[in-house]
N, C-alpha and C. Protein backbone atom coordinates (compact mmCIF):
# COMPACT_ATOMS: atom_id res chain seq x y z
N MET A 1 -94.29 16.31 -72.43
CA MET A 1 -93.06 16.81 -71.85
C MET A 1 -91.90 15.94 -72.32
N LEU A 2 -90.82 16.58 -72.74
CA LEU A 2 -89.61 15.89 -73.18
C LEU A 2 -88.72 15.63 -71.97
N HIS A 3 -88.23 14.40 -71.87
CA HIS A 3 -87.34 14.00 -70.77
C HIS A 3 -85.96 13.72 -71.34
N GLN A 4 -84.97 13.75 -70.45
CA GLN A 4 -83.58 13.54 -70.89
C GLN A 4 -82.84 12.66 -69.89
N ILE A 5 -81.99 11.82 -70.43
CA ILE A 5 -81.08 11.02 -69.61
C ILE A 5 -79.69 11.21 -70.20
N HIS A 6 -78.72 11.42 -69.32
CA HIS A 6 -77.32 11.57 -69.74
C HIS A 6 -76.52 10.55 -68.95
N SER A 7 -75.65 9.85 -69.66
CA SER A 7 -74.82 8.84 -69.01
C SER A 7 -73.42 8.93 -69.62
N SER A 8 -72.40 8.73 -68.80
CA SER A 8 -71.05 8.67 -69.34
C SER A 8 -70.24 7.65 -68.56
N GLN A 9 -69.24 7.11 -69.24
CA GLN A 9 -68.39 6.09 -68.64
C GLN A 9 -67.05 6.12 -69.36
N ILE A 10 -65.98 5.93 -68.60
CA ILE A 10 -64.65 5.84 -69.19
C ILE A 10 -64.14 4.42 -68.99
N LEU A 11 -63.69 3.81 -70.08
CA LEU A 11 -63.17 2.45 -70.03
C LEU A 11 -61.72 2.43 -70.52
N PRO A 12 -60.91 1.51 -70.00
CA PRO A 12 -59.49 1.43 -70.37
C PRO A 12 -59.28 0.63 -71.66
N ILE A 13 -59.92 1.07 -72.74
CA ILE A 13 -59.81 0.39 -74.02
C ILE A 13 -59.57 1.45 -75.10
N THR A 14 -59.26 0.99 -76.28
CA THR A 14 -59.07 1.92 -77.39
C THR A 14 -60.42 2.32 -77.96
N ILE A 15 -60.41 3.41 -78.68
CA ILE A 15 -61.65 3.85 -79.32
C ILE A 15 -62.12 2.82 -80.35
N GLN A 16 -61.18 2.13 -80.99
CA GLN A 16 -61.54 1.09 -81.96
C GLN A 16 -62.25 -0.07 -81.27
N GLU A 17 -61.74 -0.49 -80.11
CA GLU A 17 -62.40 -1.57 -79.36
C GLU A 17 -63.81 -1.17 -78.94
N ALA A 18 -63.94 0.06 -78.45
CA ALA A 18 -65.27 0.55 -78.04
C ALA A 18 -66.20 0.59 -79.24
N TRP A 19 -65.73 1.13 -80.35
CA TRP A 19 -66.58 1.23 -81.54
C TRP A 19 -66.99 -0.16 -82.04
N ASP A 20 -66.03 -1.08 -82.09
CA ASP A 20 -66.34 -2.42 -82.58
C ASP A 20 -67.44 -3.08 -81.76
N PHE A 21 -67.40 -2.88 -80.45
CA PHE A 21 -68.41 -3.49 -79.58
C PHE A 21 -69.74 -2.76 -79.69
N LEU A 22 -69.72 -1.43 -79.52
CA LEU A 22 -70.96 -0.67 -79.44
C LEU A 22 -71.68 -0.51 -80.77
N SER A 23 -70.97 -0.58 -81.87
CA SER A 23 -71.62 -0.40 -83.17
C SER A 23 -72.12 -1.72 -83.77
N SER A 24 -72.06 -2.78 -83.00
CA SER A 24 -72.58 -4.08 -83.46
C SER A 24 -73.93 -4.35 -82.79
N PRO A 25 -75.02 -4.37 -83.56
CA PRO A 25 -76.34 -4.63 -82.96
C PRO A 25 -76.39 -5.95 -82.20
N ALA A 26 -75.59 -6.93 -82.60
CA ALA A 26 -75.59 -8.23 -81.93
C ALA A 26 -75.18 -8.11 -80.47
N ASN A 27 -74.47 -7.03 -80.08
CA ASN A 27 -74.02 -6.86 -78.69
C ASN A 27 -75.04 -6.17 -77.80
N LEU A 28 -76.14 -5.68 -78.36
CA LEU A 28 -77.14 -4.98 -77.54
C LEU A 28 -77.67 -5.87 -76.41
N LYS A 29 -77.92 -7.14 -76.70
CA LYS A 29 -78.45 -8.04 -75.68
C LYS A 29 -77.48 -8.19 -74.50
N THR A 30 -76.19 -8.20 -74.80
CA THR A 30 -75.17 -8.36 -73.76
C THR A 30 -75.25 -7.25 -72.72
N ILE A 31 -75.57 -6.03 -73.15
CA ILE A 31 -75.56 -4.89 -72.22
C ILE A 31 -76.97 -4.47 -71.80
N THR A 32 -77.93 -5.39 -71.96
CA THR A 32 -79.31 -5.14 -71.53
C THR A 32 -79.66 -6.16 -70.45
N PRO A 33 -80.24 -5.71 -69.32
CA PRO A 33 -80.58 -6.65 -68.25
C PRO A 33 -81.51 -7.77 -68.74
N ASP A 34 -81.28 -8.98 -68.24
CA ASP A 34 -82.08 -10.14 -68.65
C ASP A 34 -83.57 -9.93 -68.43
N TYR A 35 -83.94 -9.25 -67.34
CA TYR A 35 -85.37 -9.08 -67.03
C TYR A 35 -86.12 -8.29 -68.11
N MET A 36 -85.37 -7.58 -68.98
CA MET A 36 -86.01 -6.82 -70.05
C MET A 36 -86.48 -7.73 -71.19
N GLY A 37 -86.05 -8.98 -71.19
CA GLY A 37 -86.47 -9.90 -72.24
C GLY A 37 -86.13 -9.38 -73.64
N PHE A 38 -84.98 -8.73 -73.77
CA PHE A 38 -84.57 -8.12 -75.04
C PHE A 38 -84.27 -9.20 -76.06
N HIS A 39 -84.91 -9.09 -77.23
CA HIS A 39 -84.69 -10.07 -78.28
C HIS A 39 -84.70 -9.36 -79.63
N ILE A 40 -83.58 -9.43 -80.35
CA ILE A 40 -83.50 -8.82 -81.68
C ILE A 40 -84.17 -9.75 -82.69
N LEU A 41 -85.07 -9.18 -83.47
CA LEU A 41 -85.78 -9.94 -84.49
C LEU A 41 -85.11 -9.81 -85.86
N SER A 42 -84.18 -8.86 -85.99
CA SER A 42 -83.60 -8.53 -87.29
C SER A 42 -82.53 -9.51 -87.78
N GLY A 43 -82.05 -10.40 -86.94
CA GLY A 43 -81.11 -11.42 -87.36
C GLY A 43 -79.68 -10.96 -87.61
N PHE A 44 -79.16 -10.08 -86.77
CA PHE A 44 -77.78 -9.63 -86.93
C PHE A 44 -76.82 -10.68 -86.41
N GLN A 45 -75.64 -10.68 -87.02
CA GLN A 45 -74.59 -11.61 -86.63
C GLN A 45 -73.49 -10.84 -85.89
N PRO A 46 -72.74 -11.52 -85.02
CA PRO A 46 -71.59 -10.86 -84.39
C PRO A 46 -70.69 -10.27 -85.47
N GLY A 47 -70.26 -9.04 -85.25
CA GLY A 47 -69.40 -8.37 -86.21
C GLY A 47 -70.13 -7.48 -87.20
N ASP A 48 -71.46 -7.67 -87.36
CA ASP A 48 -72.22 -6.75 -88.22
C ASP A 48 -72.13 -5.35 -87.62
N LYS A 49 -71.98 -4.34 -88.46
CA LYS A 49 -71.81 -2.96 -87.99
C LYS A 49 -73.01 -2.11 -88.37
N MET A 50 -73.31 -1.12 -87.53
CA MET A 50 -74.39 -0.20 -87.80
C MET A 50 -74.01 0.71 -88.97
N TYR A 51 -75.03 1.12 -89.71
CA TYR A 51 -74.86 2.06 -90.81
C TYR A 51 -76.10 2.93 -90.89
N GLU A 52 -75.96 4.10 -91.48
CA GLU A 52 -77.10 5.01 -91.62
C GLU A 52 -78.19 4.31 -92.41
N GLY A 53 -79.40 4.39 -91.87
CA GLY A 53 -80.54 3.76 -92.51
C GLY A 53 -80.84 2.36 -92.01
N MET A 54 -79.95 1.78 -91.20
CA MET A 54 -80.18 0.43 -90.67
C MET A 54 -81.43 0.43 -89.81
N ILE A 55 -82.26 -0.57 -89.99
CA ILE A 55 -83.46 -0.75 -89.18
C ILE A 55 -83.19 -1.93 -88.23
N ILE A 56 -83.46 -1.71 -86.96
CA ILE A 56 -83.29 -2.76 -85.95
C ILE A 56 -84.66 -3.00 -85.33
N GLU A 57 -85.11 -4.24 -85.43
CA GLU A 57 -86.42 -4.62 -84.91
C GLU A 57 -86.21 -5.58 -83.74
N TYR A 58 -86.89 -5.32 -82.63
CA TYR A 58 -86.73 -6.18 -81.48
C TYR A 58 -87.96 -6.12 -80.59
N THR A 59 -87.98 -7.02 -79.61
CA THR A 59 -89.01 -6.99 -78.58
C THR A 59 -88.32 -6.79 -77.24
N VAL A 60 -89.02 -6.13 -76.35
CA VAL A 60 -88.60 -5.95 -74.97
C VAL A 60 -89.80 -6.24 -74.08
N LYS A 61 -89.53 -6.60 -72.84
CA LYS A 61 -90.60 -6.90 -71.88
C LYS A 61 -90.34 -6.11 -70.60
N PRO A 62 -90.50 -4.80 -70.65
CA PRO A 62 -90.12 -3.97 -69.51
C PRO A 62 -91.09 -4.01 -68.33
N VAL A 63 -92.35 -4.39 -68.57
CA VAL A 63 -93.34 -4.37 -67.49
C VAL A 63 -94.15 -5.67 -67.51
N LEU A 64 -94.12 -6.38 -66.40
CA LEU A 64 -94.92 -7.60 -66.20
C LEU A 64 -94.73 -8.65 -67.28
N GLY A 65 -93.57 -8.66 -67.92
CA GLY A 65 -93.29 -9.65 -68.95
C GLY A 65 -94.11 -9.49 -70.23
N ILE A 66 -94.76 -8.35 -70.39
CA ILE A 66 -95.58 -8.11 -71.58
C ILE A 66 -94.66 -7.64 -72.71
N PRO A 67 -94.63 -8.39 -73.82
CA PRO A 67 -93.71 -8.01 -74.91
C PRO A 67 -94.18 -6.76 -75.65
N LEU A 68 -93.22 -5.88 -75.92
CA LEU A 68 -93.47 -4.68 -76.72
C LEU A 68 -92.60 -4.76 -77.97
N HIS A 69 -93.18 -4.46 -79.09
CA HIS A 69 -92.46 -4.44 -80.35
C HIS A 69 -91.84 -3.06 -80.53
N TRP A 70 -90.56 -3.02 -80.90
CA TRP A 70 -89.84 -1.76 -81.02
C TRP A 70 -89.01 -1.81 -82.29
N VAL A 71 -89.05 -0.72 -83.06
CA VAL A 71 -88.26 -0.60 -84.28
C VAL A 71 -87.49 0.71 -84.20
N THR A 72 -86.17 0.63 -84.35
CA THR A 72 -85.35 1.83 -84.37
C THR A 72 -84.61 1.90 -85.70
N GLU A 73 -84.26 3.12 -86.05
CA GLU A 73 -83.45 3.36 -87.24
C GLU A 73 -82.17 4.05 -86.81
N ILE A 74 -81.05 3.61 -87.37
CA ILE A 74 -79.78 4.30 -87.16
C ILE A 74 -79.78 5.45 -88.17
N THR A 75 -79.86 6.67 -87.67
CA THR A 75 -80.04 7.82 -88.56
C THR A 75 -78.74 8.56 -88.89
N HIS A 76 -77.74 8.43 -88.03
CA HIS A 76 -76.46 9.11 -88.26
C HIS A 76 -75.34 8.20 -87.75
N VAL A 77 -74.25 8.15 -88.51
CA VAL A 77 -73.07 7.39 -88.09
C VAL A 77 -71.84 8.16 -88.54
N LYS A 78 -70.93 8.39 -87.62
CA LYS A 78 -69.59 8.87 -87.95
C LYS A 78 -68.63 7.93 -87.24
N GLU A 79 -68.01 7.06 -88.03
CA GLU A 79 -67.20 5.99 -87.47
C GLU A 79 -66.19 6.51 -86.45
N LEU A 80 -66.11 5.78 -85.35
CA LEU A 80 -65.22 6.05 -84.21
C LEU A 80 -65.61 7.31 -83.44
N GLU A 81 -66.73 7.96 -83.78
CA GLU A 81 -67.14 9.17 -83.06
C GLU A 81 -68.55 9.10 -82.49
N TYR A 82 -69.54 8.75 -83.31
CA TYR A 82 -70.90 8.72 -82.78
C TYR A 82 -71.85 7.98 -83.73
N PHE A 83 -72.99 7.59 -83.18
CA PHE A 83 -74.13 7.16 -83.97
C PHE A 83 -75.40 7.54 -83.22
N VAL A 84 -76.50 7.61 -83.96
CA VAL A 84 -77.78 8.02 -83.39
C VAL A 84 -78.82 6.98 -83.75
N ASP A 85 -79.59 6.54 -82.75
CA ASP A 85 -80.75 5.70 -83.06
C ASP A 85 -82.02 6.44 -82.67
N GLU A 86 -83.03 6.29 -83.51
CA GLU A 86 -84.33 6.92 -83.29
C GLU A 86 -85.42 5.86 -83.43
N GLN A 87 -86.37 5.88 -82.51
CA GLN A 87 -87.49 4.96 -82.58
C GLN A 87 -88.38 5.32 -83.77
N ARG A 88 -88.77 4.29 -84.52
CA ARG A 88 -89.75 4.47 -85.59
C ARG A 88 -91.12 3.96 -85.16
N PHE A 89 -91.13 2.84 -84.43
CA PHE A 89 -92.35 2.30 -83.84
C PHE A 89 -91.98 1.77 -82.47
N GLY A 90 -92.85 1.97 -81.49
CA GLY A 90 -92.55 1.43 -80.17
C GLY A 90 -93.28 2.15 -79.07
N PRO A 91 -92.80 1.96 -77.84
CA PRO A 91 -93.53 2.43 -76.67
C PRO A 91 -93.45 3.93 -76.41
N TYR A 92 -92.55 4.64 -77.06
CA TYR A 92 -92.37 6.06 -76.78
C TYR A 92 -93.02 6.91 -77.86
N ALA A 93 -93.47 8.10 -77.48
CA ALA A 93 -93.93 9.07 -78.46
C ALA A 93 -92.71 9.62 -79.22
N LEU A 94 -91.57 9.68 -78.52
CA LEU A 94 -90.30 10.10 -79.12
C LEU A 94 -89.16 9.38 -78.41
N TRP A 95 -88.20 8.89 -79.16
CA TRP A 95 -86.97 8.31 -78.62
C TRP A 95 -85.84 8.71 -79.56
N HIS A 96 -84.88 9.45 -79.03
CA HIS A 96 -83.73 9.91 -79.81
C HIS A 96 -82.51 9.70 -78.93
N HIS A 97 -81.61 8.79 -79.35
CA HIS A 97 -80.49 8.36 -78.51
C HIS A 97 -79.19 8.59 -79.26
N LYS A 98 -78.36 9.49 -78.73
CA LYS A 98 -77.05 9.78 -79.30
C LYS A 98 -75.98 9.06 -78.48
N HIS A 99 -75.09 8.36 -79.18
CA HIS A 99 -73.98 7.62 -78.58
C HIS A 99 -72.70 8.27 -79.07
N PHE A 100 -71.90 8.80 -78.15
CA PHE A 100 -70.64 9.46 -78.52
C PHE A 100 -69.46 8.69 -77.93
N LEU A 101 -68.35 8.68 -78.66
CA LEU A 101 -67.09 8.12 -78.17
C LEU A 101 -66.02 9.19 -78.28
N LYS A 102 -65.18 9.27 -77.25
CA LYS A 102 -64.13 10.27 -77.25
C LYS A 102 -62.89 9.68 -76.59
N GLU A 103 -61.75 9.78 -77.27
CA GLU A 103 -60.50 9.32 -76.67
C GLU A 103 -60.14 10.22 -75.50
N VAL A 104 -59.75 9.60 -74.40
CA VAL A 104 -59.27 10.32 -73.22
C VAL A 104 -57.98 9.65 -72.78
N ASP A 105 -57.27 10.27 -71.87
CA ASP A 105 -56.01 9.72 -71.37
C ASP A 105 -56.26 8.32 -70.80
N GLY A 106 -55.67 7.31 -71.41
CA GLY A 106 -55.77 5.94 -70.90
C GLY A 106 -56.99 5.17 -71.34
N GLY A 107 -57.82 5.75 -72.18
CA GLY A 107 -59.01 5.00 -72.57
C GLY A 107 -59.95 5.76 -73.48
N VAL A 108 -61.20 5.45 -73.32
CA VAL A 108 -62.24 6.07 -74.14
C VAL A 108 -63.43 6.41 -73.25
N GLU A 109 -64.00 7.59 -73.49
CA GLU A 109 -65.21 7.99 -72.79
C GLU A 109 -66.39 7.73 -73.71
N MET A 110 -67.38 7.07 -73.15
CA MET A 110 -68.64 6.82 -73.86
C MET A 110 -69.69 7.72 -73.24
N ILE A 111 -70.39 8.45 -74.07
CA ILE A 111 -71.41 9.37 -73.59
C ILE A 111 -72.72 9.04 -74.31
N ASP A 112 -73.77 8.91 -73.54
CA ASP A 112 -75.11 8.69 -74.09
C ASP A 112 -75.98 9.88 -73.72
N LEU A 113 -76.73 10.36 -74.68
CA LEU A 113 -77.70 11.41 -74.43
C LEU A 113 -79.01 10.97 -75.07
N ILE A 114 -80.01 10.78 -74.23
CA ILE A 114 -81.31 10.30 -74.68
C ILE A 114 -82.35 11.37 -74.42
N HIS A 115 -83.12 11.68 -75.44
CA HIS A 115 -84.31 12.51 -75.29
C HIS A 115 -85.49 11.60 -75.57
N TYR A 116 -86.49 11.63 -74.70
CA TYR A 116 -87.64 10.77 -74.91
C TYR A 116 -88.91 11.46 -74.41
N LYS A 117 -90.00 11.00 -74.97
CA LYS A 117 -91.32 11.49 -74.56
C LYS A 117 -92.24 10.29 -74.52
N LEU A 118 -93.02 10.23 -73.48
CA LEU A 118 -94.00 9.15 -73.36
C LEU A 118 -95.33 9.59 -73.96
N PRO A 119 -96.11 8.63 -74.44
CA PRO A 119 -97.44 8.99 -74.93
C PRO A 119 -98.39 9.24 -73.76
N LEU A 120 -99.60 9.59 -74.04
CA LEU A 120 -100.71 9.69 -73.08
C LEU A 120 -100.67 10.93 -72.19
N GLY A 121 -99.97 11.99 -72.62
CA GLY A 121 -100.02 13.27 -71.91
C GLY A 121 -99.70 13.17 -70.44
N PRO A 122 -100.62 13.65 -69.57
CA PRO A 122 -100.37 13.64 -68.12
C PRO A 122 -100.15 12.24 -67.57
N LEU A 123 -100.81 11.24 -68.14
CA LEU A 123 -100.61 9.87 -67.67
C LEU A 123 -99.18 9.42 -67.98
N GLY A 124 -98.67 9.79 -69.16
CA GLY A 124 -97.29 9.47 -69.51
C GLY A 124 -96.30 10.15 -68.57
N LYS A 125 -96.57 11.41 -68.23
CA LYS A 125 -95.71 12.14 -67.29
C LYS A 125 -95.70 11.44 -65.93
N TRP A 126 -96.85 11.00 -65.48
CA TRP A 126 -96.97 10.28 -64.21
C TRP A 126 -96.20 8.95 -64.28
N MET A 127 -96.34 8.23 -65.42
CA MET A 127 -95.63 6.94 -65.57
C MET A 127 -94.12 7.14 -65.58
N ASN A 128 -93.67 8.26 -66.16
CA ASN A 128 -92.23 8.54 -66.14
C ASN A 128 -91.75 8.71 -64.71
N THR A 129 -92.49 9.48 -63.93
CA THR A 129 -92.12 9.71 -62.54
C THR A 129 -92.20 8.42 -61.73
N LEU A 130 -93.24 7.63 -61.97
CA LEU A 130 -93.48 6.41 -61.21
C LEU A 130 -92.46 5.32 -61.52
N MET A 131 -92.12 5.13 -62.82
CA MET A 131 -91.28 3.97 -63.12
C MET A 131 -90.34 4.12 -64.32
N VAL A 132 -90.70 4.82 -65.36
CA VAL A 132 -89.92 4.78 -66.60
C VAL A 132 -88.53 5.35 -66.41
N LYS A 133 -88.42 6.54 -65.83
CA LYS A 133 -87.10 7.16 -65.64
C LYS A 133 -86.21 6.27 -64.77
N ARG A 134 -86.77 5.71 -63.71
CA ARG A 134 -85.99 4.83 -62.83
C ARG A 134 -85.54 3.58 -63.59
N GLN A 135 -86.43 3.00 -64.38
CA GLN A 135 -86.07 1.80 -65.12
C GLN A 135 -84.99 2.08 -66.17
N LEU A 136 -85.10 3.21 -66.86
CA LEU A 136 -84.06 3.58 -67.82
C LEU A 136 -82.71 3.76 -67.11
N GLN A 137 -82.72 4.39 -65.94
CA GLN A 137 -81.48 4.56 -65.19
C GLN A 137 -80.90 3.20 -64.77
N GLU A 138 -81.78 2.26 -64.38
CA GLU A 138 -81.33 0.91 -64.02
C GLU A 138 -80.66 0.22 -65.21
N ILE A 139 -81.21 0.43 -66.41
CA ILE A 139 -80.65 -0.18 -67.60
C ILE A 139 -79.25 0.38 -67.86
N PHE A 140 -79.09 1.70 -67.73
CA PHE A 140 -77.77 2.28 -67.95
C PHE A 140 -76.80 1.91 -66.83
N ASP A 141 -77.28 1.75 -65.60
CA ASP A 141 -76.42 1.27 -64.52
C ASP A 141 -75.94 -0.15 -64.81
N TYR A 142 -76.86 -0.99 -65.28
CA TYR A 142 -76.50 -2.37 -65.64
C TYR A 142 -75.42 -2.36 -66.73
N ARG A 143 -75.65 -1.54 -67.76
CA ARG A 143 -74.70 -1.46 -68.85
C ARG A 143 -73.33 -1.01 -68.35
N PHE A 144 -73.30 -0.02 -67.47
CA PHE A 144 -72.06 0.49 -66.90
C PHE A 144 -71.28 -0.65 -66.25
N HIS A 145 -71.95 -1.42 -65.40
CA HIS A 145 -71.28 -2.51 -64.68
C HIS A 145 -70.91 -3.66 -65.62
N LYS A 146 -71.75 -3.94 -66.61
CA LYS A 146 -71.46 -5.02 -67.55
C LYS A 146 -70.22 -4.68 -68.40
N LEU A 147 -70.11 -3.43 -68.84
CA LEU A 147 -68.94 -3.02 -69.62
C LEU A 147 -67.67 -3.04 -68.77
N GLU A 148 -67.77 -2.67 -67.49
CA GLU A 148 -66.61 -2.79 -66.59
C GLU A 148 -66.23 -4.25 -66.39
N GLU A 149 -67.23 -5.12 -66.33
CA GLU A 149 -66.96 -6.55 -66.19
C GLU A 149 -66.22 -7.09 -67.42
N ILE A 150 -66.61 -6.62 -68.59
CA ILE A 150 -65.99 -7.08 -69.84
C ILE A 150 -64.61 -6.47 -70.04
N TYR A 151 -64.49 -5.15 -69.84
CA TYR A 151 -63.26 -4.43 -70.20
C TYR A 151 -62.42 -3.95 -69.02
N GLY A 152 -62.93 -4.03 -67.82
CA GLY A 152 -62.20 -3.58 -66.65
C GLY A 152 -62.49 -2.12 -66.34
N LYS A 153 -61.99 -1.70 -65.19
CA LYS A 153 -62.19 -0.33 -64.73
C LYS A 153 -60.96 0.51 -65.06
N MET A 154 -61.18 1.79 -65.16
CA MET A 154 -60.04 2.70 -65.31
C MET A 154 -59.21 2.63 -64.04
N PRO A 155 -57.90 2.60 -64.16
CA PRO A 155 -57.07 2.58 -62.95
C PRO A 155 -57.26 3.87 -62.16
N ALA A 156 -57.19 3.74 -60.86
CA ALA A 156 -57.30 4.92 -59.99
C ALA A 156 -56.11 5.84 -60.26
N ALA A 157 -56.35 7.11 -60.15
CA ALA A 157 -55.28 8.09 -60.37
C ALA A 157 -54.18 7.87 -59.35
N ALA A 158 -52.97 7.96 -59.81
CA ALA A 158 -51.81 7.77 -58.91
C ALA A 158 -51.77 8.91 -57.89
N THR A 159 -51.47 8.55 -56.67
CA THR A 159 -51.34 9.57 -55.63
C THR A 159 -49.85 9.81 -55.36
N VAL A 160 -49.53 11.01 -54.98
CA VAL A 160 -48.13 11.36 -54.72
C VAL A 160 -47.86 11.33 -53.24
């Protein structure tokens, strides 16, 4: 069974600022909860930018501190608009993550759309219900708050 997660956030920054931060693999650790034990093995430096065909290799420890090896490929990039990462090796039977940026009044909207499938058939479906979907949502909630901490919140709409 294919699962989906959709997340969006509006930040009071320019599309260039959002792109510069989100398209740098070195910033992935910043927006990932510490308990995930996220560690990039590929050796990216601050300021390195994603490009089509880029391979990102890392480890994560999502359950009981057990490290999982994960390799993703950046398959599509349109500067200042979107990029797509797809798992090549890792814990999912399928992982396809689209990152979109869109200018809005006063800032930029970031939209994530993830399609994923767990291995192991019915057991994978059960694991998604038991923990995976909740953990993925926690990761995106963490990212939401971390980006607000870095860039601030959108100002509340003026009332008349």
